[in-house]
Protein backbone atom coordinates (compact mmCIF):
# COMPACT_ATOMS: atom_id res chain seq x y z
CA MET A 1 -19.37 6.98 -78.69
CA ILE A 2 -18.86 4.96 -81.86
CA ALA A 3 -17.96 1.30 -81.74
CA TYR A 4 -14.65 0.37 -83.31
CA PRO A 5 -13.98 -3.37 -83.12
CA ARG A 6 -10.37 -4.50 -82.75
CA THR A 7 -11.09 -8.07 -83.78
CA ALA A 8 -7.66 -8.97 -85.13
CA LEU A 9 -5.90 -7.89 -81.94
CA ALA A 10 -8.43 -9.75 -79.77
CA ASP A 11 -8.10 -12.95 -81.82
CA GLU A 12 -4.31 -12.83 -81.62
CA LEU A 13 -4.40 -12.42 -77.83
CA VAL A 14 -6.85 -15.32 -77.50
CA HIS A 15 -4.39 -17.48 -79.46
CA GLN A 16 -1.59 -16.43 -77.10
CA LEU A 17 -3.68 -17.06 -73.98
CA GLN A 18 -4.49 -20.56 -75.25
CA GLY A 19 -0.78 -21.27 -75.67
CA LYS A 20 -1.13 -21.75 -79.42
CA THR A 21 1.74 -19.45 -80.39
CA ALA A 22 5.29 -20.73 -80.66
CA PHE A 23 6.71 -17.87 -78.61
CA GLY A 24 5.32 -15.88 -75.72
CA ASP A 25 4.18 -16.41 -72.17
CA ALA A 26 0.56 -15.21 -72.24
CA GLN A 27 -0.73 -18.64 -71.19
CA ASN A 28 0.90 -17.97 -67.82
CA GLY A 29 -0.75 -14.56 -67.57
CA LEU A 30 -1.29 -11.62 -69.90
CA PHE A 31 -0.46 -8.25 -68.34
CA LEU A 32 -1.58 -5.23 -70.38
CA ALA A 33 -0.73 -1.62 -69.59
CA ALA A 34 -2.38 1.39 -71.24
CA PRO A 35 -2.93 4.99 -70.13
CA ARG A 36 -6.34 5.95 -68.82
CA ARG A 37 -9.11 6.66 -71.31
CA THR A 38 -7.24 5.19 -74.28
CA GLY A 39 -9.82 2.44 -74.85
CA LYS A 40 -8.39 -0.34 -72.69
CA THR A 41 -11.61 -1.26 -70.89
CA THR A 42 -13.65 -0.91 -74.08
CA PHE A 43 -11.30 -3.37 -75.77
CA LEU A 44 -11.39 -5.85 -72.89
CA ARG A 45 -15.17 -5.87 -72.62
CA GLY A 46 -16.13 -5.30 -76.24
CA ASP A 47 -13.47 -7.31 -78.07
CA LEU A 48 -11.36 -9.63 -75.93
CA CYS A 49 -14.11 -11.09 -73.72
CA PRO A 50 -16.42 -11.87 -76.69
CA ALA A 51 -13.48 -13.40 -78.60
CA LEU A 52 -12.69 -15.64 -75.63
CA GLU A 53 -16.34 -16.70 -75.36
CA LYS A 54 -16.42 -17.43 -79.10
CA ALA A 55 -13.41 -19.69 -78.54
CA GLY A 56 -15.38 -21.72 -75.98
CA VAL A 57 -14.01 -20.09 -72.83
CA VAL A 58 -16.00 -19.11 -69.72
CA VAL A 59 -15.15 -15.46 -69.07
CA VAL A 60 -15.16 -13.79 -65.66
CA TYR A 61 -14.66 -10.01 -65.85
CA VAL A 62 -14.09 -7.75 -62.86
CA ASP A 63 -13.15 -4.06 -62.70
CA LEU A 64 -11.36 -3.30 -59.43
CA TRP A 65 -12.25 0.38 -59.79
CA ALA A 66 -15.94 -0.34 -60.20
CA ASP A 67 -16.55 0.12 -56.47
CA ALA A 68 -13.75 1.89 -54.62
CA THR A 69 -15.49 1.29 -51.26
CA ARG A 70 -15.09 -2.51 -51.49
CA ASP A 71 -11.94 -4.53 -50.96
CA PRO A 72 -10.37 -5.68 -54.26
CA GLY A 73 -10.08 -9.23 -52.93
CA VAL A 74 -13.82 -9.32 -52.26
CA LEU A 75 -14.60 -7.98 -55.75
CA ILE A 76 -12.56 -10.79 -57.33
CA ALA A 77 -14.22 -13.47 -55.18
CA ASP A 78 -17.70 -12.10 -55.89
CA ALA A 79 -17.09 -12.09 -59.65
CA ILE A 80 -16.02 -15.74 -59.58
CA GLY A 81 -19.03 -16.59 -57.40
CA ARG A 82 -21.47 -14.93 -59.82
CA ALA A 83 -19.97 -16.87 -62.71
CA LEU A 84 -20.13 -20.15 -60.78
CA GLN A 85 -23.69 -19.77 -59.53
CA PRO A 86 -25.63 -20.63 -62.72
CA HIS A 87 -23.51 -23.74 -63.26
CA LEU A 88 -24.17 -24.88 -59.71
CA GLY A 89 -27.88 -24.45 -60.36
CA VAL A 90 -27.70 -27.06 -63.10
CA ILE A 91 -25.88 -29.46 -60.76
CA ALA A 92 -28.37 -28.78 -57.96
CA ARG A 93 -31.39 -29.47 -60.17
CA ALA A 94 -29.84 -32.71 -61.33
CA ALA A 95 -29.11 -33.71 -57.74
CA LYS A 96 -32.68 -32.93 -56.68
CA LYS A 97 -34.09 -35.15 -59.38
CA THR A 98 -32.00 -38.06 -58.09
CA GLY A 99 -33.17 -37.48 -54.51
CA LEU A 100 -29.94 -36.00 -53.12
CA ASN A 101 -30.31 -33.26 -50.49
CA LYS A 102 -26.83 -31.81 -50.95
CA VAL A 103 -24.90 -30.76 -53.99
CA SER A 104 -21.78 -32.84 -54.51
CA LEU A 105 -19.20 -31.18 -56.71
CA ALA A 106 -15.92 -32.97 -57.28
CA GLY A 107 -15.64 -33.71 -53.58
CA TRP A 108 -17.04 -30.41 -52.24
CA LEU A 109 -20.41 -30.22 -50.47
CA ASP A 110 -22.81 -27.32 -50.01
CA VAL A 111 -21.09 -24.78 -52.23
CA ASP A 112 -22.09 -21.27 -51.13
CA THR A 113 -20.96 -18.78 -53.76
CA SER A 114 -21.40 -15.86 -51.33
CA ARG A 115 -18.66 -17.34 -49.10
CA ILE A 116 -15.96 -17.74 -51.75
CA GLY A 117 -12.64 -16.47 -50.47
CA LYS A 118 -13.82 -16.43 -46.85
CA LEU A 119 -12.55 -18.68 -44.07
CA ASP A 120 -15.68 -20.85 -44.06
CA GLY A 121 -16.11 -20.91 -47.83
CA LEU A 122 -14.37 -22.18 -50.94
CA THR A 123 -10.89 -20.86 -51.64
CA LEU A 124 -10.40 -18.98 -54.90
CA VAL A 125 -8.45 -21.97 -56.18
CA ASP A 126 -11.30 -24.38 -55.44
CA ALA A 127 -13.90 -21.97 -56.81
CA LEU A 128 -12.05 -21.62 -60.11
CA ARG A 129 -11.61 -25.38 -60.32
CA ALA A 130 -15.32 -25.79 -59.63
CA LEU A 131 -16.18 -23.30 -62.36
CA HIS A 132 -13.94 -25.10 -64.84
CA GLU A 133 -15.32 -28.53 -63.98
CA THR A 134 -19.01 -27.60 -63.89
CA ALA A 135 -18.80 -25.61 -67.13
CA GLY A 136 -16.63 -28.19 -68.81
CA LYS A 137 -14.66 -25.38 -70.44
CA PRO A 138 -11.48 -23.38 -69.87
CA VAL A 139 -11.91 -20.26 -67.70
CA ALA A 140 -10.54 -16.77 -68.36
CA LEU A 141 -10.39 -14.33 -65.46
CA VAL A 142 -10.09 -10.77 -66.77
CA ILE A 143 -9.17 -8.25 -64.06
CA ASP A 144 -9.28 -4.59 -65.09
CA GLU A 145 -7.13 -2.13 -63.08
CA ALA A 146 -5.43 -5.12 -61.46
CA GLN A 147 -2.83 -2.96 -59.69
CA HIS A 148 -5.58 -1.89 -57.30
CA ALA A 149 -5.46 -5.39 -55.77
CA LEU A 150 -2.15 -4.41 -54.19
CA THR A 151 -3.83 -1.80 -52.00
CA SER A 152 -5.20 -4.38 -49.55
CA GLU A 153 -3.96 -7.54 -47.85
CA ALA A 154 -6.98 -9.46 -49.15
CA GLY A 155 -6.26 -8.23 -52.66
CA GLU A 156 -2.64 -9.34 -52.43
CA ALA A 157 -3.77 -12.72 -51.08
CA ALA A 158 -6.18 -13.05 -54.01
CA MET A 159 -3.36 -12.46 -56.49
CA THR A 160 -1.25 -15.15 -54.81
CA ALA A 161 -4.24 -17.52 -54.89
CA LEU A 162 -4.74 -16.87 -58.60
CA LYS A 163 -1.13 -17.76 -59.28
CA SER A 164 -1.65 -20.99 -57.36
CA ALA A 165 -4.85 -21.72 -59.29
CA ARG A 166 -3.03 -21.19 -62.58
CA ASP A 167 -0.27 -23.58 -61.53
CA GLN A 168 -2.76 -26.25 -60.42
CA LEU A 169 -5.19 -26.05 -63.33
CA ASN A 170 -2.71 -25.69 -66.18
CA ARG A 171 -0.11 -28.06 -67.49
CA PRO A 172 2.08 -28.15 -70.60
CA GLY A 173 -0.12 -28.21 -73.66
CA LEU A 174 -3.35 -27.66 -71.71
CA VAL A 175 -4.54 -24.24 -70.49
CA ASN A 176 -7.62 -24.44 -68.27
CA LEU A 177 -7.19 -21.06 -66.55
CA MET A 178 -6.27 -17.90 -68.44
CA LEU A 179 -5.43 -14.76 -66.49
CA VAL A 180 -5.64 -11.28 -68.01
CA MET A 181 -4.54 -8.35 -65.86
CA SER A 182 -4.80 -4.79 -67.14
CA GLY A 183 -3.64 -1.53 -65.62
CA SER A 184 -3.58 2.17 -66.42
CA ASP A 185 -0.19 2.60 -64.73
CA ARG A 186 2.69 0.44 -65.90
CA ASP A 187 4.82 1.16 -62.82
CA LYS A 188 2.09 -0.05 -60.46
CA LEU A 189 1.31 -3.10 -62.59
CA LEU A 190 5.00 -3.99 -62.53
CA ARG A 191 4.71 -4.63 -58.79
CA LEU A 192 2.82 -7.82 -59.66
CA VAL A 193 5.75 -9.25 -61.62
CA ASN A 194 9.10 -7.61 -60.90
CA THR A 195 10.39 -8.99 -57.56
CA ASN A 196 10.84 -12.40 -55.97
CA GLY A 197 7.92 -11.62 -53.66
CA SER A 198 5.59 -10.64 -56.51
CA PRO A 199 2.78 -13.16 -57.17
CA PHE A 200 3.56 -13.37 -60.89
CA TYR A 201 7.32 -12.92 -60.73
CA GLY A 202 8.93 -13.37 -64.14
CA SER A 203 5.93 -12.40 -66.28
CA GLN A 204 6.23 -9.47 -68.66
CA ILE A 205 4.14 -6.31 -68.94
CA LYS A 206 2.90 -5.68 -72.46
CA THR A 207 1.92 -2.22 -73.66
CA MET A 208 -1.48 -2.32 -75.30
CA PRO A 209 -1.27 -0.78 -78.79
CA ALA A 210 -2.91 2.62 -79.05
CA LEU A 211 -5.62 3.20 -81.62
CA GLY A 212 -3.82 4.12 -84.81
CA GLN A 213 -4.18 4.82 -88.51
CA ASP A 214 -6.86 2.17 -89.02
CA PHE A 215 -9.04 3.80 -86.36
CA MET A 216 -8.61 7.21 -87.96
CA ALA A 217 -9.40 5.80 -91.41
CA HIS A 218 -12.64 4.49 -89.91
CA ILE A 219 -13.47 7.93 -88.49
CA VAL A 220 -12.71 9.61 -91.81
CA GLN A 221 -14.97 7.16 -93.60
CA LEU A 222 -17.83 7.95 -91.22
CA ILE A 223 -17.37 11.70 -91.61
CA GLU A 224 -17.30 11.53 -95.41
CA ALA A 225 -20.37 9.28 -95.45
CA GLN A 226 -22.41 11.58 -93.19
CA ARG A 227 -20.99 14.89 -94.44
CA PRO A 228 -20.06 14.41 -98.12
CA GLU A 229 -19.39 18.12 -98.51
CA LEU A 230 -16.33 17.73 -96.22
CA ALA A 231 -14.64 15.15 -98.45
CA PRO A 232 -11.78 14.61 -98.80
CA VAL A 233 -11.00 14.75 -95.08
CA ASP A 234 -7.39 15.41 -94.10
CA GLN A 235 -6.65 12.17 -92.24
CA ALA A 236 -3.07 13.14 -91.32
CA THR A 237 -4.25 16.29 -89.54
CA LEU A 238 -6.94 14.39 -87.66
CA GLN A 239 -4.35 11.77 -86.66
CA ALA A 240 -2.12 14.52 -85.29
CA ALA A 241 -5.07 15.95 -83.35
CA PHE A 242 -5.91 12.49 -81.96
CA GLU A 243 -2.36 12.08 -80.73
CA GLY A 244 -2.60 15.58 -79.27
CA PHE A 245 -5.53 14.32 -77.22
CA GLY A 246 -3.23 11.61 -75.88
CA SER A 247 -4.86 9.01 -78.16
CA ARG A 248 -7.95 9.19 -75.95
CA PRO A 249 -10.98 8.49 -78.15
CA GLN A 250 -13.58 9.91 -75.75
CA PHE A 251 -12.04 13.39 -75.72
CA PHE A 252 -11.31 13.28 -79.45
CA MET A 253 -14.88 12.32 -80.34
CA GLU A 254 -16.34 14.96 -78.03
CA ALA A 255 -14.27 17.64 -79.73
CA LEU A 256 -15.14 16.28 -83.17
CA GLY A 257 -18.82 16.49 -82.34
CA GLN A 258 -18.41 20.10 -81.27
CA VAL A 259 -16.50 21.31 -84.32
CA LEU A 260 -18.88 19.51 -86.71
CA SER A 261 -21.97 20.82 -84.96
CA PRO A 262 -24.02 23.31 -86.97
CA LEU A 263 -23.98 25.47 -83.84
CA ALA A 264 -20.21 25.79 -84.00
CA ALA A 265 -20.39 28.54 -86.64
CA LEU A 266 -17.06 27.30 -87.96
CA THR A 267 -15.61 29.02 -90.99
CA GLY A 268 -13.16 27.13 -93.16
CA ARG A 269 -12.02 23.55 -92.68
CA PHE A 270 -12.71 21.71 -89.45
CA GLU A 271 -9.38 19.84 -89.22
CA PRO A 272 -7.36 22.85 -87.92
CA ALA A 273 -10.05 23.39 -85.30
CA MET A 274 -9.41 19.85 -84.07
CA LEU A 275 -5.71 20.64 -83.67
CA GLN A 276 -6.64 23.73 -81.65
CA ALA A 277 -9.02 21.69 -79.49
CA ALA A 278 -6.27 19.14 -78.82
CA ALA A 279 -3.86 21.87 -77.80
CA GLN A 280 -6.50 23.38 -75.52
CA ARG A 281 -7.20 20.00 -73.88
CA GLN A 282 -3.50 19.49 -73.24
CA GLN A 283 -3.23 22.99 -71.81
CA ASP A 284 -6.24 22.39 -69.56
CA ASP A 285 -4.86 19.07 -68.31
CA GLU A 286 -1.49 20.55 -67.53
CA GLY A 287 -3.11 23.61 -65.95
CA GLN A 288 -5.09 21.36 -63.61
CA MET A 289 -1.96 19.49 -62.56
CA GLU A 290 -0.12 22.74 -61.98
CA SER A 291 -3.03 24.07 -59.91
CA ASP A 292 -3.08 20.89 -57.84
CA TYR A 293 0.65 21.12 -57.25
CA LEU A 294 0.65 24.80 -56.30
CA GLY A 295 -2.26 24.21 -53.91
CA LEU A 296 -0.12 21.91 -51.75
CA LYS A 297 1.80 22.81 -48.63
CA PRO A 298 5.58 23.19 -49.13
CA LEU A 299 6.47 19.79 -47.66
CA GLU A 300 3.72 18.09 -49.68
CA GLN A 301 5.12 19.74 -52.82
CA ALA A 302 8.61 18.50 -51.96
CA VAL A 303 7.42 14.94 -51.36
CA LEU A 304 5.44 14.88 -54.62
CA TRP A 305 8.43 16.38 -56.46
CA ARG A 306 10.62 13.58 -55.11
CA MET A 307 8.08 10.96 -56.22
CA LEU A 308 7.90 12.39 -59.72
CA GLU A 309 11.67 12.54 -59.98
CA GLN A 310 12.39 9.07 -58.60
CA GLY A 311 9.47 7.06 -60.02
CA PRO A 312 9.66 3.40 -58.91
CA ARG A 313 12.93 4.16 -57.08
CA PHE A 314 11.10 6.41 -54.61
CA ARG A 315 11.96 5.73 -50.95
CA PRO A 316 10.12 8.22 -48.74
CA TYR A 317 12.20 8.10 -45.58
CA ASP A 318 15.82 7.44 -46.53
CA ALA A 319 18.47 10.01 -45.69
CA GLU A 320 18.70 11.32 -49.25
CA ALA A 321 14.92 11.85 -49.45
CA LEU A 322 14.80 13.68 -46.10
CA ARG A 323 17.69 15.89 -47.20
CA PHE A 324 15.82 16.62 -50.45
CA TYR A 325 12.68 17.67 -48.53
CA ARG A 326 14.65 20.00 -46.31
CA GLU A 327 16.46 21.58 -49.25
CA LYS A 328 13.31 22.17 -51.31
CA THR A 329 11.27 23.56 -48.41
CA GLY A 330 14.04 25.80 -47.09
CA ARG A 331 13.62 24.54 -43.53
CA ASP A 332 16.17 25.35 -40.87
CA LYS A 333 15.59 21.99 -39.18
CA ALA A 334 15.69 18.49 -40.64
CA VAL A 335 12.49 16.92 -41.92
CA THR A 336 11.59 13.88 -39.83
CA PRO A 337 10.22 10.61 -41.23
CA GLN A 338 6.98 11.27 -39.34
CA GLN A 339 6.55 14.65 -41.02
CA ALA A 340 7.19 13.05 -44.42
CA GLN A 341 4.63 10.35 -43.65
CA ASN A 342 2.07 12.97 -42.63
CA ALA A 343 2.63 14.73 -45.96
CA LEU A 344 2.18 11.46 -47.86
CA GLU A 345 -1.06 10.70 -46.03
CA SER A 346 -2.33 14.19 -46.79
CA LEU A 347 -1.59 13.63 -50.49
CA ARG A 348 -3.49 10.33 -50.31
CA GLN A 349 -6.52 11.90 -48.63
CA ARG A 350 -6.99 14.64 -51.20
CA MET A 351 -9.97 14.42 -53.56
CA PRO A 352 -8.96 13.20 -56.04
CA ALA A 353 -6.00 11.48 -54.41
CA LEU A 354 -2.55 12.43 -55.68
CA VAL A 355 -0.73 9.46 -54.16
CA TRP A 356 -1.35 5.68 -54.23
CA LYS A 357 -0.26 3.30 -51.50
CA SER A 358 0.08 -0.48 -51.61
CA ALA A 359 -0.66 -2.82 -48.70
CA ARG A 360 3.11 -3.19 -48.29
CA GLY A 361 3.59 0.53 -47.73
CA GLU A 362 4.88 1.37 -51.21
CA TYR A 363 3.95 4.77 -52.61
CA ALA A 364 3.45 6.01 -56.17
CA VAL A 365 1.85 8.96 -57.93
CA GLU A 366 -1.83 8.14 -58.46
CA ASP A 367 -2.07 9.48 -62.03
CA ALA A 368 0.76 8.37 -64.32
CA ALA A 369 0.08 11.43 -66.51
CA MET A 370 1.78 13.54 -63.84
CA HIS A 371 5.06 11.80 -64.66
CA ARG A 372 4.78 12.83 -68.31
CA TRP A 373 3.90 16.38 -67.24
CA TYR A 374 6.93 16.51 -64.91
CA GLU A 375 9.30 15.06 -67.49
CA THR A 376 8.17 17.53 -70.16
CA ARG A 377 8.64 20.53 -67.87
CA ALA A 378 11.95 19.28 -66.50
CA ALA A 379 13.29 18.81 -70.04
CA ALA A 380 12.11 22.33 -70.93
CA GLY A 381 13.71 23.82 -67.80
CA THR A 382 10.35 25.02 -66.45
CA TRP A 383 10.22 22.84 -63.35
CA PRO A 384 9.08 23.46 -60.65
CA PRO A 385 5.87 25.43 -61.32
CA LEU A 386 6.05 28.89 -59.82
CA SER A 387 3.27 30.62 -57.94
CA ARG A 388 2.95 34.38 -57.89
CA GLN A 389 4.75 34.31 -54.56
CA GLY A 390 7.65 32.31 -56.02
CA ASN A 391 8.65 28.69 -55.68
CA LEU A 392 8.43 26.60 -52.51
CA LEU A 393 8.18 28.97 -49.58
CA PRO A 394 10.19 28.28 -46.41
CA ASP A 395 8.29 25.79 -44.31
CA THR A 396 8.60 26.23 -40.58
CA GLU A 397 6.22 23.46 -39.53
């Protein structure tokens, strides 16, 4: 995978996080949404974090999808603890030289970074304050796939603690704690900001810009440098192919490598082959979603259909939803809330999971791409997908 720095975007976001722009609210938290595999994590780790460090900020990065077996709240606490540990070592060595047996840190004694966030350890607020004070620099906490924090009580508590830390460490004209939250699903990320009970109520979700013409110009330059015989490359066609891949650089570059390979035995220009590859990728993605949908039981199909149709308005057990399930499954008897819940749990337990659930019992489609697939088919009048046996069969369960 080639490296494509997005330095200008990173520098602008650092300015916003520091509160140096006349308008905007990034100093109170920057919330970035971008579809999966469009370069969000690469940008955070390869561009934004280094730009923050260059600006004299201590950066703590944590990916809440890095280990799905661990609680998101624990992952956040551990990341802060790892960042704090080397700074505590400096304090401890200084204390030892002066004959002190315990580390004194702004009023706290015996800091154990492995206990951060636990009942007998530092709170997240105190740990972030300790990191700021020992480093003598502002701190930026970058949380990738932040919506995953909402899947556990500890994760929700961590988000509330981070809001408290922001309020305690920052004041007008001085930003000591910067919070960056990213997510691959805008609807899920919105749950952090859109209600009175949300930890960051009032903040705005920003859509991260997709890689555009400048990225494609960079690719074209590389191709023409390595394969002069292909110049001039049709940049517009490659841009259309990239968009056909959903602006996902990994899939685009894989296809580009294949069509430019000497083993491809390609005749004619390679640009049309990229368009064909993009169309095939889209067909494969949609075919997989259709296969997943048709492999469900009738009630599971009906519940997923309702989720796709309603989006963030989805309420699984209200009278209208239960009536919808009965209508789409062709049942003689009403669908009960328990039966709907069983279907939701089955959708959650599939590998990969089709449904996401928050600690508060809110449900959403796991992969936001399914919404785009549904909307496209509904607009074309080809929803629902039909199996060889027809649409949803009567369900007598």
